[in-house]
PDB file of N, CA and C in Angstrom:
ATOM      1  N   MET A   1       0.856  -1.138  -0.013  1.00  0.00           N
ATOM      2  CA  MET A   1      -0.032  -0.014   0.001  1.00  0.00           C
ATOM      3  C   MET A   1       0.931   1.262   0.009  1.00  0.00           C
ATOM      4  N   LYS A   2       0.579   2.187  -0.860  1.00  0.00           N
ATOM      5  CA  LYS A   2       1.328   3.411  -0.968  1.00  0.00           C
ATOM      6  C   LYS A   2       0.522   4.538  -0.307  1.00  0.00           C
ATOM      7  N   ILE A   3       1.113   5.289   0.607  1.00  0.00           N
ATOM      8  CA  ILE A   3       0.427   6.374   1.250  1.00  0.00           C
ATOM      9  C   ILE A   3       1.230   7.631   0.876  1.00  0.00           C
ATOM     10  N   ASP A   4       0.561   8.621   0.332  1.00  0.00           N
ATOM     11  CA  ASP A   4       1.276   9.787  -0.211  1.00  0.00           C
ATOM     12  C   ASP A   4       1.422  10.918   0.731  1.00  0.00           C
ATOM     13  N   ASP A   5       0.623  11.059   1.785  1.00  0.00           N
ATOM     14  CA  ASP A   5       0.756  12.193   2.647  1.00  0.00           C
ATOM     15  C   ASP A   5       0.308  11.860   4.082  1.00  0.00           C
ATOM     16  N   ILE A   6       0.562  12.752   4.994  1.00  0.00           N
ATOM     17  CA  ILE A   6       0.216  12.465   6.375  1.00  0.00           C
ATOM     18  C   ILE A   6      -1.240  12.374   6.581  1.00  0.00           C
ATOM     19  N   GLU A   7      -2.054  13.191   5.850  1.00  0.00           N
ATOM     20  CA  GLU A   7      -3.498  13.106   6.014  1.00  0.00           C
ATOM     21  C   GLU A   7      -4.041  11.729   5.599  1.00  0.00           C
ATOM     22  N   SER A   8      -3.510  11.141   4.494  1.00  0.00           N
ATOM     23  CA  SER A   8      -3.901   9.825   4.051  1.00  0.00           C
ATOM     24  C   SER A   8      -3.475   8.791   5.077  1.00  0.00           C
ATOM     25  N   LEU A   9      -2.278   8.957   5.620  1.00  0.00           N
ATOM     26  CA  LEU A   9      -1.838   7.994   6.666  1.00  0.00           C
ATOM     27  C   LEU A   9      -2.748   8.065   7.917  1.00  0.00           C
ATOM     28  N   GLU A  10      -3.139   9.247   8.299  1.00  0.00           N
ATOM     29  CA  GLU A  10      -4.006   9.436   9.438  1.00  0.00           C
ATOM     30  C   GLU A  10      -5.378   8.784   9.138  1.00  0.00           C
ATOM     31  N   GLU A  11      -5.913   9.024   7.994  1.00  0.00           N
ATOM     32  CA  GLU A  11      -7.209   8.400   7.605  1.00  0.00           C
ATOM     33  C   GLU A  11      -7.115   6.895   7.613  1.00  0.00           C
ATOM     34  N   TYR A  12      -6.045   6.369   6.974  1.00  0.00           N
ATOM     35  CA  TYR A  12      -5.825   4.915   7.006  1.00  0.00           C
ATOM     36  C   TYR A  12      -5.839   4.337   8.385  1.00  0.00           C
ATOM     37  N   LEU A  13      -5.075   5.004   9.271  1.00  0.00           N
ATOM     38  CA  LEU A  13      -4.981   4.503  10.684  1.00  0.00           C
ATOM     39  C   LEU A  13      -6.348   4.540  11.367  1.00  0.00           C
ATOM     40  N   LYS A  14      -7.084   5.666  11.162  1.00  0.00           N
ATOM     41  CA  LYS A  14      -8.428   5.787  11.809  1.00  0.00           C
ATOM     42  C   LYS A  14      -9.352   4.649  11.318  1.00  0.00           C
ATOM     43  N   LYS A  15      -9.360   4.401   9.976  1.00  0.00           N
ATOM     44  CA  LYS A  15     -10.148   3.321   9.481  1.00  0.00           C
ATOM     45  C   LYS A  15      -9.752   1.941  10.029  1.00  0.00           C
ATOM     46  N   THR A  16      -8.455   1.760  10.047  1.00  0.00           N
ATOM     47  CA  THR A  16      -7.932   0.473  10.592  1.00  0.00           C
ATOM     48  C   THR A  16      -8.274   0.276  12.036  1.00  0.00           C
ATOM     49  N   ILE A  17      -8.115   1.323  12.816  1.00  0.00           N
ATOM     50  CA  ILE A  17      -8.397   1.202  14.248  1.00  0.00           C
ATOM     51  C   ILE A  17      -9.915   1.027  14.455  1.00  0.00           C
ATOM     52  N   ASN A  18     -10.734   1.759  13.760  1.00  0.00           N
ATOM     53  CA  ASN A  18     -12.194   1.573  13.846  1.00  0.00           C
ATOM     54  C   ASN A  18     -12.547   0.132  13.475  1.00  0.00           C
ATOM     55  N   HIS A  19     -11.914  -0.469  12.485  1.00  0.00           N
ATOM     56  CA  HIS A  19     -12.213  -1.828  12.093  1.00  0.00           C
ATOM     57  C   HIS A  19     -11.877  -2.816  13.227  1.00  0.00           C
ATOM     58  N   ILE A  20     -10.708  -2.561  13.796  1.00  0.00           N
ATOM     59  CA  ILE A  20     -10.240  -3.438  14.897  1.00  0.00           C
ATOM     60  C   ILE A  20     -11.192  -3.321  16.118  1.00  0.00           C
ATOM     61  N   LEU A  21     -11.592  -2.097  16.446  1.00  0.00           N
ATOM     62  CA  LEU A  21     -12.483  -1.839  17.579  1.00  0.00           C
ATOM     63  C   LEU A  21     -13.946  -2.274  17.304  1.00  0.00           C
ATOM     64  N   GLU A  22     -14.256  -2.532  16.018  1.00  0.00           N
ATOM     65  CA  GLU A  22     -15.601  -2.856  15.584  1.00  0.00           C
ATOM     66  C   GLU A  22     -16.598  -1.745  15.914  1.00  0.00           C
ATOM     67  N   ARG A  23     -16.199  -0.540  15.871  1.00  0.00           N
ATOM     68  CA  ARG A  23     -17.050   0.612  16.077  1.00  0.00           C
ATOM     69  C   ARG A  23     -16.336   1.851  15.555  1.00  0.00           C
ATOM     70  N   SER A  24     -17.116   2.927  15.332  1.00  0.00           N
ATOM     71  CA  SER A  24     -16.523   4.124  14.773  1.00  0.00           C
ATOM     72  C   SER A  24     -16.187   5.132  15.887  1.00  0.00           C
ATOM     73  N   LEU A  25     -14.942   5.602  15.840  1.00  0.00           N
ATOM     74  CA  LEU A  25     -14.505   6.614  16.793  1.00  0.00           C
ATOM     75  C   LEU A  25     -14.290   7.914  16.065  1.00  0.00           C
ATOM     76  N   GLU A  26     -14.596   8.989  16.701  1.00  0.00           N
ATOM     77  CA  GLU A  26     -14.252  10.325  16.217  1.00  0.00           C
ATOM     78  C   GLU A  26     -12.905  10.682  16.887  1.00  0.00           C
ATOM     79  N   ASN A  27     -11.885   9.995  16.511  1.00  0.00           N
ATOM     80  CA  ASN A  27     -10.592  10.056  17.182  1.00  0.00           C
ATOM     81  C   ASN A  27      -9.801  11.253  16.666  1.00  0.00           C
ATOM     82  N   THR A  28      -9.282  11.995  17.585  1.00  0.00           N
ATOM     83  CA  THR A  28      -8.293  13.064  17.217  1.00  0.00           C
ATOM     84  C   THR A  28      -6.904  12.460  17.446  1.00  0.00           C
ATOM     85  N   GLY A  29      -5.927  13.070  16.896  1.00  0.00           N
ATOM     86  CA  GLY A  29      -4.540  12.571  16.948  1.00  0.00           C
ATOM     87  C   GLY A  29      -4.024  12.231  18.276  1.00  0.00           C
ATOM     88  N   TYR A  30      -4.306  13.075  19.314  1.00  0.00           N
ATOM     89  CA  TYR A  30      -3.758  12.806  20.602  1.00  0.00           C
ATOM     90  C   TYR A  30      -4.714  12.113  21.553  1.00  0.00           C
ATOM     91  N   GLN A  31      -5.878  11.764  21.113  1.00  0.00           N
ATOM     92  CA  GLN A  31      -6.822  11.042  21.946  1.00  0.00           C
ATOM     93  C   GLN A  31      -6.302   9.641  22.316  1.00  0.00           C
ATOM     94  N   ASN A  32      -6.396   9.303  23.526  1.00  0.00           N
ATOM     95  CA  ASN A  32      -5.848   8.023  24.034  1.00  0.00           C
ATOM     96  C   ASN A  32      -6.695   6.865  23.562  1.00  0.00           C
ATOM     97  N   LEU A  33      -6.062   6.009  22.718  1.00  0.00           N
ATOM     98  CA  LEU A  33      -6.768   4.882  22.134  1.00  0.00           C
ATOM     99  C   LEU A  33      -7.121   3.788  23.171  1.00  0.00           C
ATOM    100  N   THR A  34      -6.263   3.608  24.163  1.00  0.00           N
ATOM    101  CA  THR A  34      -6.526   2.551  25.148  1.00  0.00           C
ATOM    102  C   THR A  34      -7.772   2.924  25.976  1.00  0.00           C
ATOM    103  N   SER A  35      -7.952   4.226  26.251  1.00  0.00           N
ATOM    104  CA  SER A  35      -9.156   4.622  26.986  1.00  0.00           C
ATOM    105  C   SER A  35     -10.382   4.494  26.132  1.00  0.00           C
ATOM    106  N   ASP A  36     -10.210   4.420  24.814  1.00  0.00           N
ATOM    107  CA  ASP A  36     -11.317   4.208  23.882  1.00  0.00           C
ATOM    108  C   ASP A  36     -11.578   2.728  23.668  1.00  0.00           C
ATOM    109  N   GLY A  37     -10.831   1.851  24.347  1.00  0.00           N
ATOM    110  CA  GLY A  37     -11.145   0.395  24.251  1.00  0.00           C
ATOM    111  C   GLY A  37     -10.121  -0.436  23.549  1.00  0.00           C
ATOM    112  N   LEU A  38      -9.031   0.174  23.042  1.00  0.00           N
ATOM    113  CA  LEU A  38      -8.021  -0.613  22.370  1.00  0.00           C
ATOM    114  C   LEU A  38      -7.159  -1.323  23.366  1.00  0.00           C
ATOM    115  N   ASP A  39      -7.344  -2.645  23.502  1.00  0.00           N
ATOM    116  CA  ASP A  39      -6.554  -3.377  24.467  1.00  0.00           C
ATOM    117  C   ASP A  39      -5.361  -4.041  23.864  1.00  0.00           C
ATOM    118  N   SER A  40      -4.623  -4.772  24.677  1.00  0.00           N
ATOM    119  CA  SER A  40      -3.321  -5.314  24.171  1.00  0.00           C
ATOM    120  C   SER A  40      -3.470  -6.284  22.989  1.00  0.00           C
ATOM    121  N   LEU A  41      -4.544  -7.093  23.014  1.00  0.00           N
ATOM    122  CA  LEU A  41      -4.751  -7.986  21.878  1.00  0.00           C
ATOM    123  C   LEU A  41      -5.105  -7.227  20.572  1.00  0.00           C
ATOM    124  N   MET A  42      -5.855  -6.144  20.761  1.00  0.00           N
ATOM    125  CA  MET A  42      -6.187  -5.311  19.598  1.00  0.00           C
ATOM    126  C   MET A  42      -4.956  -4.568  19.084  1.00  0.00           C
ATOM    127  N   ILE A  43      -4.046  -4.184  19.949  1.00  0.00           N
ATOM    128  CA  ILE A  43      -2.797  -3.533  19.505  1.00  0.00           C
ATOM    129  C   ILE A  43      -1.973  -4.546  18.708  1.00  0.00           C
ATOM    130  N   VAL A  44      -1.958  -5.861  19.151  1.00  0.00           N
ATOM    131  CA  VAL A  44      -1.256  -6.868  18.384  1.00  0.00           C
ATOM    132  C   VAL A  44      -1.881  -6.967  16.987  1.00  0.00           C
ATOM    133  N   SER A  45      -3.176  -6.975  16.917  1.00  0.00           N
ATOM    134  CA  SER A  45      -3.891  -7.025  15.628  1.00  0.00           C
ATOM    135  C   SER A  45      -3.552  -5.779  14.775  1.00  0.00           C
ATOM    136  N   LEU A  46      -3.428  -4.632  15.403  1.00  0.00           N
ATOM    137  CA  LEU A  46      -3.073  -3.403  14.700  1.00  0.00           C
ATOM    138  C   LEU A  46      -1.670  -3.527  14.138  1.00  0.00           C
ATOM    139  N   VAL A  47      -0.734  -4.004  14.946  1.00  0.00           N
ATOM    140  CA  VAL A  47       0.626  -4.201  14.546  1.00  0.00           C
ATOM    141  C   VAL A  47       0.706  -5.085  13.340  1.00  0.00           C
ATOM    142  N   VAL A  48       0.075  -6.260  13.388  1.00  0.00           N
ATOM    143  CA  VAL A  48       0.061  -7.200  12.272  1.00  0.00           C
ATOM    144  C   VAL A  48      -0.491  -6.577  11.056  1.00  0.00           C
ATOM    145  N   THR A  49      -1.644  -5.886  11.170  1.00  0.00           N
ATOM    146  CA  THR A  49      -2.292  -5.220   9.997  1.00  0.00           C
ATOM    147  C   THR A  49      -1.373  -4.186   9.411  1.00  0.00           C
ATOM    148  N   LEU A  50      -0.693  -3.374  10.235  1.00  0.00           N
ATOM    149  CA  LEU A  50       0.225  -2.339   9.717  1.00  0.00           C
ATOM    150  C   LEU A  50       1.368  -3.036   9.020  1.00  0.00           C
ATOM    151  N   GLU A  51       1.931  -4.014   9.567  1.00  0.00           N
ATOM    152  CA  GLU A  51       3.074  -4.742   8.920  1.00  0.00           C
ATOM    153  C   GLU A  51       2.638  -5.309   7.561  1.00  0.00           C
ATOM    154  N   GLU A  52       1.479  -5.912   7.518  1.00  0.00           N
ATOM    155  CA  GLU A  52       1.060  -6.507   6.227  1.00  0.00           C
ATOM    156  C   GLU A  52       0.715  -5.413   5.223  1.00  0.00           C
ATOM    157  N   ASP A  53      -0.049  -4.426   5.635  1.00  0.00           N
ATOM    158  CA  ASP A  53      -0.505  -3.381   4.651  1.00  0.00           C
ATOM    159  C   ASP A  53       0.641  -2.473   4.188  1.00  0.00           C
ATOM    160  N   LEU A  54       1.586  -2.176   5.090  1.00  0.00           N
ATOM    161  CA  LEU A  54       2.600  -1.210   4.745  1.00  0.00           C
ATOM    162  C   LEU A  54       3.947  -1.886   4.371  1.00  0.00           C
ATOM    163  N   GLY A  55       3.984  -3.170   4.487  1.00  0.00           N
ATOM    164  CA  GLY A  55       5.238  -3.878   4.079  1.00  0.00           C
ATOM    165  C   GLY A  55       6.355  -3.635   5.011  1.00  0.00           C
ATOM    166  N   ILE A  56       6.128  -3.484   6.287  1.00  0.00           N
ATOM    167  CA  ILE A  56       7.180  -3.239   7.251  1.00  0.00           C
ATOM    168  C   ILE A  56       7.206  -4.312   8.299  1.00  0.00           C
ATOM    169  N   SER A  57       8.242  -4.356   9.143  1.00  0.00           N
ATOM    170  CA  SER A  57       8.303  -5.232  10.224  1.00  0.00           C
ATOM    171  C   SER A  57       8.780  -4.477  11.426  1.00  0.00           C
ATOM    172  N   PHE A  58       7.957  -4.398  12.466  1.00  0.00           N
ATOM    173  CA  PHE A  58       8.300  -3.594  13.638  1.00  0.00           C
ATOM    174  C   PHE A  58       9.433  -4.267  14.414  1.00  0.00           C
ATOM    175  N   SER A  59      10.392  -3.451  14.822  1.00  0.00           N
ATOM    176  CA  SER A  59      11.416  -3.875  15.759  1.00  0.00           C
ATOM    177  C   SER A  59      10.826  -4.073  17.139  1.00  0.00           C
ATOM    178  N   ASP A  60      11.369  -5.005  17.884  1.00  0.00           N
ATOM    179  CA  ASP A  60      10.887  -5.194  19.272  1.00  0.00           C
ATOM    180  C   ASP A  60      10.993  -3.928  20.063  1.00  0.00           C
ATOM    181  N   ASP A  61      11.993  -3.115  19.779  1.00  0.00           N
ATOM    182  CA  ASP A  61      12.191  -1.860  20.509  1.00  0.00           C
ATOM    183  C   ASP A  61      11.072  -0.879  20.325  1.00  0.00           C
ATOM    184  N   HIS A  62      10.321  -1.042  19.229  1.00  0.00           N
ATOM    185  CA  HIS A  62       9.209  -0.099  18.959  1.00  0.00           C
ATOM    186  C   HIS A  62       7.852  -0.607  19.375  1.00  0.00           C
ATOM    187  N   LEU A  63       7.789  -1.832  19.861  1.00  0.00           N
ATOM    188  CA  LEU A  63       6.523  -2.436  20.277  1.00  0.00           C
ATOM    189  C   LEU A  63       6.250  -2.073  21.740  1.00  0.00           C
ATOM    190  N   MET A  64       6.219  -0.822  22.026  1.00  0.00           N
ATOM    191  CA  MET A  64       5.903  -0.338  23.343  1.00  0.00           C
ATOM    192  C   MET A  64       4.478   0.284  23.312  1.00  0.00           C
ATOM    193  N   ILE A  65       3.735   0.111  24.327  1.00  0.00           N
ATOM    194  CA  ILE A  65       2.310   0.657  24.411  1.00  0.00           C
ATOM    195  C   ILE A  65       2.338   2.159  24.093  1.00  0.00           C
ATOM    196  N   ASP A  66       3.319   2.899  24.569  1.00  0.00           N
ATOM    197  CA  ASP A  66       3.351   4.355  24.353  1.00  0.00           C
ATOM    198  C   ASP A  66       3.402   4.697  22.866  1.00  0.00           C
ATOM    199  N   ASN A  67       3.953   3.830  22.012  1.00  0.00           N
ATOM    200  CA  ASN A  67       4.008   4.088  20.609  1.00  0.00           C
ATOM    201  C   ASN A  67       2.672   3.886  19.935  1.00  0.00           C
ATOM    202  N   PHE A  68       1.729   3.288  20.617  1.00  0.00           N
ATOM    203  CA  PHE A  68       0.426   2.953  20.045  1.00  0.00           C
ATOM    204  C   PHE A  68      -0.749   3.540  20.835  1.00  0.00           C
ATOM    205  N   ASP A  69      -0.452   4.464  21.742  1.00  0.00           N
ATOM    206  CA  ASP A  69      -1.562   4.964  22.546  1.00  0.00           C
ATOM    207  C   ASP A  69      -2.358   6.065  21.913  1.00  0.00           C
ATOM    208  N   ASN A  70      -1.824   6.658  20.819  1.00  0.00           N
ATOM    209  CA  ASN A  70      -2.637   7.600  20.037  1.00  0.00           C
ATOM    210  C   ASN A  70      -2.139   7.612  18.577  1.00  0.00           C
ATOM    211  N   ILE A  71      -2.950   8.147  17.747  1.00  0.00           N
ATOM    212  CA  ILE A  71      -2.675   8.139  16.311  1.00  0.00           C
ATOM    213  C   ILE A  71      -1.409   8.943  16.002  1.00  0.00           C
ATOM    214  N   ASP A  72      -1.182  10.047  16.663  1.00  0.00           N
ATOM    215  CA  ASP A  72       0.001  10.846  16.386  1.00  0.00           C
ATOM    216  C   ASP A  72       1.280  10.088  16.715  1.00  0.00           C
ATOM    217  N   ASN A  73       1.247   9.335  17.806  1.00  0.00           N
ATOM    218  CA  ASN A  73       2.467   8.550  18.091  1.00  0.00           C
ATOM    219  C   ASN A  73       2.709   7.441  17.068  1.00  0.00           C
ATOM    220  N   ILE A  74       1.646   6.840  16.593  1.00  0.00           N
ATOM    221  CA  ILE A  74       1.800   5.805  15.607  1.00  0.00           C
ATOM    222  C   ILE A  74       2.350   6.411  14.298  1.00  0.00           C
ATOM    223  N   ILE A  75       1.873   7.534  13.932  1.00  0.00           N
ATOM    224  CA  ILE A  75       2.408   8.248  12.728  1.00  0.00           C
ATOM    225  C   ILE A  75       3.858   8.570  12.901  1.00  0.00           C
ATOM    226  N   LYS A  76       4.274   9.068  14.052  1.00  0.00           N
ATOM    227  CA  LYS A  76       5.715   9.404  14.316  1.00  0.00           C
ATOM    228  C   LYS A  76       6.549   8.187  14.159  1.00  0.00           C
ATOM    229  N   VAL A  77       6.144   7.041  14.722  1.00  0.00           N
ATOM    230  CA  VAL A  77       6.928   5.802  14.613  1.00  0.00           C
ATOM    231  C   VAL A  77       7.035   5.368  13.168  1.00  0.00           C
ATOM    232  N   LEU A  78       5.898   5.395  12.472  1.00  0.00           N
ATOM    233  CA  LEU A  78       5.867   4.917  11.100  1.00  0.00           C
ATOM    234  C   LEU A  78       6.780   5.798  10.190  1.00  0.00           C
ATOM    235  N   ILE A  79       6.750   7.117  10.393  1.00  0.00           N
ATOM    236  CA  ILE A  79       7.565   8.002   9.574  1.00  0.00           C
ATOM    237  C   ILE A  79       9.051   7.996   9.981  1.00  0.00           C
ATOM    238  N   ASN A  80       9.276   8.085  11.288  1.00  0.00           N
ATOM    239  CA  ASN A  80      10.693   8.224  11.778  1.00  0.00           C
ATOM    240  C   ASN A  80      11.454   6.928  11.619  1.00  0.00           C
ATOM    241  N   TYR A  81      10.880   5.788  11.824  1.00  0.00           N
ATOM    242  CA  TYR A  81      11.626   4.517  11.880  1.00  0.00           C
ATOM    243  C   TYR A  81      11.412   3.627  10.676  1.00  0.00           C
ATOM    244  N   TYR A  82      10.278   3.839   9.918  1.00  0.00           N
ATOM    245  CA  TYR A  82       9.973   2.898   8.881  1.00  0.00           C
ATOM    246  C   TYR A  82       9.750   3.572   7.504  1.00  0.00           C
ATOM    247  N   GLY A  83      10.008   4.834   7.458  1.00  0.00           N
ATOM    248  CA  GLY A  83      10.003   5.556   6.177  1.00  0.00           C
ATOM    249  C   GLY A  83       8.739   5.446   5.432  1.00  0.00           C
ATOM    250  N   VAL A  84       7.563   5.318   6.110  1.00  0.00           N
ATOM    251  CA  VAL A  84       6.284   5.208   5.460  1.00  0.00           C
ATOM    252  C   VAL A  84       6.012   6.387   4.508  1.00  0.00           C
ATOM    253  N   LEU A  85       6.476   7.569   4.881  1.00  0.00           N
ATOM    254  CA  LEU A  85       6.391   8.743   4.030  1.00  0.00           C
ATOM    255  C   LEU A  85       7.801   9.279   3.890  1.00  0.00           C
ATOM    256  N   ASN A  86       8.099   9.706   2.668  1.00  0.00           N
ATOM    257  CA  ASN A  86       9.337  10.394   2.455  1.00  0.00           C
ATOM    258  C   ASN A  86       9.030  11.882   2.511  1.00  0.00           C
ATOM    259  N   LEU A  87       9.322  12.481   3.669  1.00  0.00           N
ATOM    260  CA  LEU A  87       8.946  13.895   3.890  1.00  0.00           C
ATOM    261  C   LEU A  87       9.651  14.819   2.954  1.00  0.00           C
ATOM    262  N   ASN A  88      10.698  14.417   2.308  1.00  0.00           N
ATOM    263  CA  ASN A  88      11.392  15.303   1.349  1.00  0.00           C
ATOM    264  C   ASN A  88      10.536  15.423   0.077  1.00  0.00           C
ATOM    265  N   GLU A  89       9.578  14.490  -0.149  1.00  0.00           N
ATOM    266  CA  GLU A  89       8.790  14.548  -1.320  1.00  0.00           C
ATOM    267  C   GLU A  89       7.478  15.282  -1.051  1.00  0.00           C
ATOM    268  N   ILE A  90       7.178  15.577   0.134  1.00  0.00           N
ATOM    269  CA  ILE A  90       5.879  16.211   0.475  1.00  0.00           C
ATOM    270  C   ILE A  90       6.047  17.741   0.378  1.00  0.00           C
TER     271      ILE A  90
END
């Protein structure tokens, strides 16, 4: 899957998280996902989905709950460590 900009990445993450939660959230970037019901098994499902869809493999060092507690943190990890977006092209 190719994602061209941060807005597209954010929308993809929202849709993916809503699918995993089996309900729709009006989630803002800094809203805590675990308080919205995202538990540890759902985070594992999110990690697997991201790896499959984006063609990446998370390092054990990045599999910390803090990296997945809100959409903005997920975006930062994906951009900074996995090159999901090439910010030089944006």
